[in-house]
Amino acid sequence: MRRDHRAVLRALLCCAPAALAVVSLTSCTASAPVACAGQCAPPYELQVLFRAGTPHGTAQKILGSCADHDPVVIRIGELHDTPEDQGAAYIYTHVFATARTARLIKCLQSSSSVVTVGWPD
């Protein structure tokens, strides 16, 4: 009877490393990070740059009129000045560069105070 226990123990010791390796590989592939370039998950950041000298009140009105009631928008970030004396703000969205964001982007670009609208990396 002792020989049977030893045989079972030897079989377990022999196969245990292989079984652990399979379990480890399976769990690693399930939680491995996905490589992507740029923005990978919501909230996505849409950057809006305003012309130098645009008053903050004007920039806030533009941001609000385009983004306040848009269903893709999560929130409008704080307006701040860049080193080039431009106003800048991020609009945080649920979706990234799709037809659903086209209306928002077109609205922002229609203002003569807006220099660029884009998805930064």
Protein backbone atom coordinates (compact mmCIF):
# COMPACT_ATOMS: atom_id res chain seq x y z
CA MET A 1 0.00 0.00 0.00
CA ARG A 2 2.90 2.38 0.64
CA ARG A 3 3.99 1.95 -2.95
CA ASP A 4 0.60 3.16 -4.20
CA HIS A 5 0.87 6.38 -2.18
CA ARG A 6 4.37 7.00 -3.47
CA ALA A 7 3.27 6.45 -7.06
CA VAL A 8 0.41 8.90 -6.62
CA LEU A 9 2.71 11.41 -4.92
CA ARG A 10 5.29 11.04 -7.69
CA ALA A 11 2.59 11.55 -10.35
CA LEU A 12 1.31 14.68 -8.60
CA LEU A 13 4.79 16.13 -8.23
CA CYS A 14 5.53 15.35 -11.85
CA CYS A 15 2.37 16.96 -13.22
CA ALA A 16 1.95 19.84 -10.75
CA PRO A 17 4.40 22.23 -12.49
CA ALA A 18 2.72 21.66 -15.85
CA ALA A 19 -0.73 22.17 -14.33
CA LEU A 20 0.40 25.38 -12.62
CA ALA A 21 1.89 26.66 -15.86
CA VAL A 22 -1.39 26.09 -17.70
CA VAL A 23 -3.38 27.83 -14.96
CA SER A 24 -0.90 30.72 -14.92
CA LEU A 25 -1.03 31.16 -18.68
CA THR A 26 -4.80 31.07 -18.69
CA SER A 27 -5.10 33.66 -15.96
CA CYS A 28 -2.45 35.88 -17.55
CA THR A 29 -4.14 35.95 -20.93
CA ALA A 30 -7.46 36.82 -19.34
CA SER A 31 -6.09 39.90 -17.58
CA ALA A 32 -3.21 40.91 -19.82
CA PRO A 33 -3.31 44.62 -20.74
CA VAL A 34 -4.20 45.40 -24.30
CA ALA A 35 -1.71 47.60 -26.11
CA CYS A 36 -3.23 50.52 -27.95
CA ALA A 37 -2.02 53.81 -29.32
CA GLY A 38 -3.57 56.96 -27.96
CA GLN A 39 -6.79 56.86 -25.99
CA CYS A 40 -7.98 53.37 -25.11
CA ALA A 41 -11.08 53.72 -22.95
CA PRO A 42 -13.57 56.30 -21.75
CA PRO A 43 -13.46 59.01 -20.74
CA TYR A 44 -11.95 60.12 -24.03
CA GLU A 45 -10.39 63.59 -24.22
CA LEU A 46 -11.30 65.99 -26.99
CA GLN A 47 -9.00 69.01 -26.84
CA VAL A 48 -10.28 72.44 -27.85
CA LEU A 49 -7.82 75.31 -28.43
CA PHE A 50 -9.03 78.90 -28.70
CA ARG A 51 -7.38 81.84 -30.42
CA ALA A 52 -5.02 83.91 -28.29
CA GLY A 53 -6.90 86.70 -26.58
CA THR A 54 -10.30 84.94 -26.61
CA PRO A 55 -12.01 85.96 -23.36
CA HIS A 56 -12.70 83.06 -21.00
CA GLY A 57 -16.38 83.98 -20.93
CA THR A 58 -16.60 83.64 -24.71
CA ALA A 59 -14.75 80.32 -24.66
CA GLN A 60 -17.06 79.00 -21.91
CA LYS A 61 -20.13 80.00 -23.95
CA ILE A 62 -18.80 78.14 -26.99
CA LEU A 63 -17.99 75.04 -24.95
CA GLY A 64 -21.37 75.10 -23.25
CA SER A 65 -23.43 75.74 -26.36
CA CYS A 66 -21.79 72.83 -28.19
CA ALA A 67 -21.28 70.32 -25.40
CA ASP A 68 -23.80 70.89 -22.61
CA HIS A 69 -26.64 68.84 -24.08
CA ASP A 70 -24.68 66.47 -26.31
CA PRO A 71 -25.30 62.84 -25.21
CA VAL A 72 -21.70 61.76 -25.91
CA VAL A 73 -20.29 64.31 -23.46
CA ILE A 74 -19.46 63.23 -19.93
CA ARG A 75 -18.26 66.64 -18.77
CA ILE A 76 -16.44 69.79 -19.84
CA GLY A 77 -13.02 70.26 -18.28
CA GLU A 78 -11.64 73.48 -16.82
CA LEU A 79 -10.59 76.21 -19.22
CA HIS A 80 -6.91 77.08 -18.87
CA ASP A 81 -4.28 79.13 -20.68
CA THR A 82 -1.44 77.56 -22.67
CA PRO A 83 2.10 79.01 -22.80
CA GLU A 84 1.14 80.47 -26.20
CA ASP A 85 -1.62 82.50 -24.47
CA GLN A 86 -4.36 80.40 -26.01
CA GLY A 87 -7.35 79.17 -24.05
CA ALA A 88 -7.61 75.38 -23.92
CA ALA A 89 -10.09 72.90 -22.50
CA TYR A 90 -10.86 69.20 -22.68
CA ILE A 91 -14.29 67.80 -23.31
CA TYR A 92 -14.59 64.27 -21.91
CA THR A 93 -16.73 61.89 -23.96
CA HIS A 94 -18.12 58.34 -23.89
CA VAL A 95 -17.08 57.64 -27.49
CA PHE A 96 -13.97 58.32 -29.52
CA ALA A 97 -13.81 59.77 -33.03
CA THR A 98 -17.03 58.28 -34.37
CA ALA A 99 -20.01 59.64 -36.26
CA ARG A 100 -21.55 60.28 -32.83
CA THR A 101 -18.88 62.90 -32.06
CA ALA A 102 -19.01 64.56 -35.49
CA ARG A 103 -21.80 66.98 -34.52
CA LEU A 104 -19.90 68.14 -31.43
CA ILE A 105 -16.67 68.66 -33.37
CA LYS A 106 -18.48 70.49 -36.20
CA CYS A 107 -20.19 72.79 -33.70
CA LEU A 108 -16.87 73.67 -32.03
CA GLN A 109 -15.09 74.21 -35.35
CA SER A 110 -17.84 76.53 -36.57
CA SER A 111 -16.73 79.19 -34.09
CA SER A 112 -14.16 81.66 -35.36
CA SER A 113 -12.64 81.72 -31.84
CA VAL A 114 -11.67 78.04 -32.04
CA VAL A 115 -8.28 77.26 -33.58
CA THR A 116 -8.29 73.46 -33.37
CA VAL A 117 -10.36 70.57 -32.07
CA GLY A 118 -8.76 67.17 -31.86
CA TRP A 119 -8.11 63.91 -30.04
CA PRO A 120 -4.61 64.12 -28.50
CA ASP A 121 -2.51 60.95 -28.17
